Protein backbone atom coordinates (compact mmCIF):
# COMPACT_ATOMS: atom_id res chain seq x y z
CA MET A 1 -0.14 -0.33 -0.51
CA SER A 2 1.55 4.14 -1.27
CA GLU A 3 0.97 6.52 1.39
CA GLU A 4 0.78 9.93 -0.03
CA VAL A 5 3.54 11.83 -0.64
CA LYS A 6 1.98 15.61 1.78
CA GLY A 7 3.40 18.44 -0.66
CA ALA A 8 3.30 16.19 -3.61
CA ALA A 9 2.01 17.87 -7.08
CA PRO A 10 -1.20 15.10 -8.14
CA GLU A 11 -0.31 12.83 -11.26
CA LEU A 12 -3.25 12.43 -13.71
CA SER A 13 -3.55 8.61 -14.66
CA THR A 14 -1.47 7.55 -17.75
CA ALA A 15 -5.51 6.95 -19.65
CA VAL A 16 -6.40 10.79 -19.25
CA ALA A 17 -2.89 12.79 -19.86
CA ASP A 18 -3.12 10.39 -22.52
CA GLU A 19 -6.13 11.29 -24.02
CA ILE A 20 -5.05 15.16 -22.48
CA LEU A 21 -2.19 14.17 -25.62
CA LYS A 22 -4.50 13.13 -28.35
CA LEU A 23 -6.11 15.82 -28.44
CA SER A 24 -3.85 18.65 -27.93
CA GLU A 25 -2.13 17.33 -31.22
CA SER A 26 -5.49 17.25 -32.61
CA GLY A 27 -5.57 20.92 -31.96
CA ASN A 28 -2.12 21.23 -33.38
CA ASP A 29 -2.41 20.21 -36.93
CA TYR A 30 -5.56 22.61 -35.93
CA PHE A 31 -3.38 25.47 -35.23
CA ASP A 32 -0.91 24.18 -37.97
CA GLU A 33 -3.58 24.64 -40.36
CA ASP A 34 -4.75 28.06 -38.81
CA ASP A 35 -8.40 27.42 -38.10
CA PHE A 36 -8.05 28.24 -34.60
CA ASP A 37 -11.58 28.20 -33.63
CA SER A 38 -11.50 24.25 -34.23
CA ALA A 39 -8.36 24.36 -31.71
CA ILE A 40 -9.41 26.23 -29.24
CA GLY A 41 -12.11 23.77 -29.49
CA VAL A 42 -10.29 20.80 -28.95
CA TRP A 43 -7.80 22.68 -26.44
CA GLU A 44 -10.72 23.11 -24.39
CA GLU A 45 -11.76 19.45 -23.97
CA ALA A 46 -8.32 18.51 -23.03
CA LEU A 47 -8.71 20.61 -20.44
CA ALA A 48 -11.62 20.20 -19.21
CA LEU A 49 -10.40 16.54 -18.01
CA ILE A 50 -7.93 17.85 -16.12
CA PRO A 51 -8.84 17.66 -12.46
CA GLU A 52 -9.64 21.25 -10.00
CA PRO A 53 -7.17 22.81 -9.19
CA GLN A 54 -6.02 22.80 -12.75
CA ASN A 55 -2.27 25.00 -11.83
CA GLU A 56 -1.51 22.18 -10.01
CA TYR A 57 -1.23 20.21 -13.43
CA ILE A 58 1.09 21.02 -15.40
CA GLN A 59 -0.90 19.84 -18.37
CA SER A 60 -2.24 23.06 -17.66
CA VAL A 61 0.78 25.31 -18.51
CA TRP A 62 0.84 24.72 -21.89
CA LEU A 63 -3.21 23.71 -22.41
CA ASN A 64 -3.92 26.85 -21.43
CA ALA A 65 -0.87 28.80 -23.22
CA SER A 66 -2.11 27.49 -26.59
CA ILE A 67 -5.51 28.48 -25.97
CA GLY A 68 -4.57 32.02 -24.80
CA ASP A 69 -2.78 32.04 -28.82
CA ALA A 70 -4.79 31.15 -31.05
CA HIS A 71 -7.09 33.76 -29.15
CA PHE A 72 -3.81 36.32 -29.59
CA LEU A 73 -3.76 35.87 -33.04
CA GLN A 74 -6.99 36.28 -33.75
CA ASP A 75 -6.28 38.94 -31.95
CA ASP A 76 -8.32 38.99 -29.61
CA PHE A 77 -6.88 40.12 -26.88
CA LYS A 78 -8.71 40.12 -24.45
CA THR A 79 -9.45 36.53 -24.16
CA ALA A 80 -6.47 35.55 -24.89
CA LEU A 81 -5.25 37.89 -21.80
CA PRO A 82 -6.96 35.12 -19.25
CA PHE A 83 -5.31 31.92 -20.59
CA PHE A 84 -2.04 33.60 -20.09
CA GLU A 85 -2.58 34.81 -16.61
CA THR A 86 -3.69 31.19 -16.04
CA ALA A 87 -1.48 29.68 -17.27
CA LYS A 88 1.26 31.82 -15.83
CA SER A 89 -0.10 30.56 -12.38
CA ASN A 90 0.74 27.00 -13.05
CA THR A 91 2.02 25.12 -9.37
CA ARG A 92 4.37 22.59 -11.05
CA GLU A 93 6.14 25.20 -13.24
CA ASP A 94 8.28 27.54 -13.06
CA VAL A 95 6.04 30.04 -16.73
CA GLU A 96 8.20 32.55 -15.24
CA SER A 97 10.66 31.95 -17.21
CA ASN A 98 8.40 30.82 -19.77
CA PRO A 99 9.92 32.89 -22.12
CA PHE A 100 6.57 32.82 -25.02
CA VAL A 101 3.87 33.31 -21.25
CA MET A 102 6.01 36.23 -20.52
CA LEU A 103 5.76 37.77 -24.48
CA ARG A 104 2.22 36.76 -24.98
CA LEU A 105 0.84 38.66 -21.44
CA GLY A 106 3.65 41.60 -22.25
CA GLN A 107 1.36 41.65 -26.23
CA CYS A 108 -1.73 41.19 -23.87
CA TYR A 109 -1.13 44.10 -21.66
CA LEU A 110 -0.20 46.56 -24.28
CA GLU A 111 -2.69 45.83 -26.41
CA LYS A 112 -5.32 46.11 -23.42
CA GLY A 113 -3.88 49.81 -22.41
CA ASP A 114 -2.37 48.50 -19.43
CA LYS A 115 1.69 49.65 -20.38
CA GLU A 116 3.34 48.63 -16.90
CA LYS A 117 2.33 45.65 -17.14
CA ALA A 118 3.39 44.91 -21.00
CA LYS A 119 7.00 47.08 -20.02
CA GLU A 120 7.54 43.84 -17.10
CA TYR A 121 6.12 41.19 -19.10
CA LEU A 122 7.78 41.99 -22.36
CA LEU A 123 11.12 42.90 -19.86
CA LYS A 124 10.66 39.33 -19.02
CA ALA A 125 10.73 37.82 -22.09
CA TYR A 126 14.15 39.76 -23.81
CA GLU A 127 15.37 39.57 -20.36
CA LEU A 128 14.70 35.59 -20.64
CA GLU A 129 14.94 35.73 -25.14
CA PRO A 130 17.28 38.28 -25.83
CA GLU A 131 18.96 37.64 -29.39
CA ASP A 132 14.62 35.83 -30.73
CA ILE A 133 11.70 36.73 -28.40
CA PHE A 134 10.99 39.06 -30.71
CA PHE A 135 11.81 37.45 -34.22
CA GLY A 136 8.39 37.00 -36.28
CA GLU A 137 5.94 39.55 -33.42
CA GLU A 138 5.25 42.96 -34.25
CA MET A 139 7.79 44.85 -34.36
CA LYS A 140 5.23 47.43 -32.58
CA TYR A 141 6.26 44.94 -29.19
CA TYR A 142 9.49 46.10 -29.59
CA ASN A 143 9.63 49.41 -30.85
CA PHE A 144 7.53 49.71 -27.43
CA LEU A 145 10.17 48.21 -24.96
CA LYS A 146 12.68 49.51 -26.26
CA ALA A 147 11.27 53.31 -25.98
CA ASN A 148 10.14 52.08 -22.41
CA ALA A 149 12.79 50.58 -21.48
CA ASP A 150 16.82 50.02 -20.59
CA LEU A 151 17.91 47.27 -22.73
CA LYS A 152 21.24 46.43 -22.13
CA ALA A 153 22.89 45.71 -25.39
């Protein structure tokens, strides 16, 4: 008989983890075809398989970030932001060290008009990945950061 370790992070059953992985890959296929609504639907189905509190499971980081990204790419920043905030709240992974999540948080806050939070998160993203984090992104985000923070060359 195994004893539960106090403070140990909960684990999903293999069956649930496998189903989440299968749904996630299906969502990725839709995403790659720019079918963002279908991707979101499949990822939300996968997210629903994670018990509460979801932020104790590593899978919730990438599912929330993926859903947020699909909304972001549809210019629905208001809907995207809570997904990135939820991803950031994960207790299993140090999401503060994830440059992509920090980038999208900063971008969403800038689109929302919260320049202080935008600067905070865009700067974190830049500090984590200074060479490539803005590659492929609209220049307005880098230009905002450059104008509002002392970027070390």
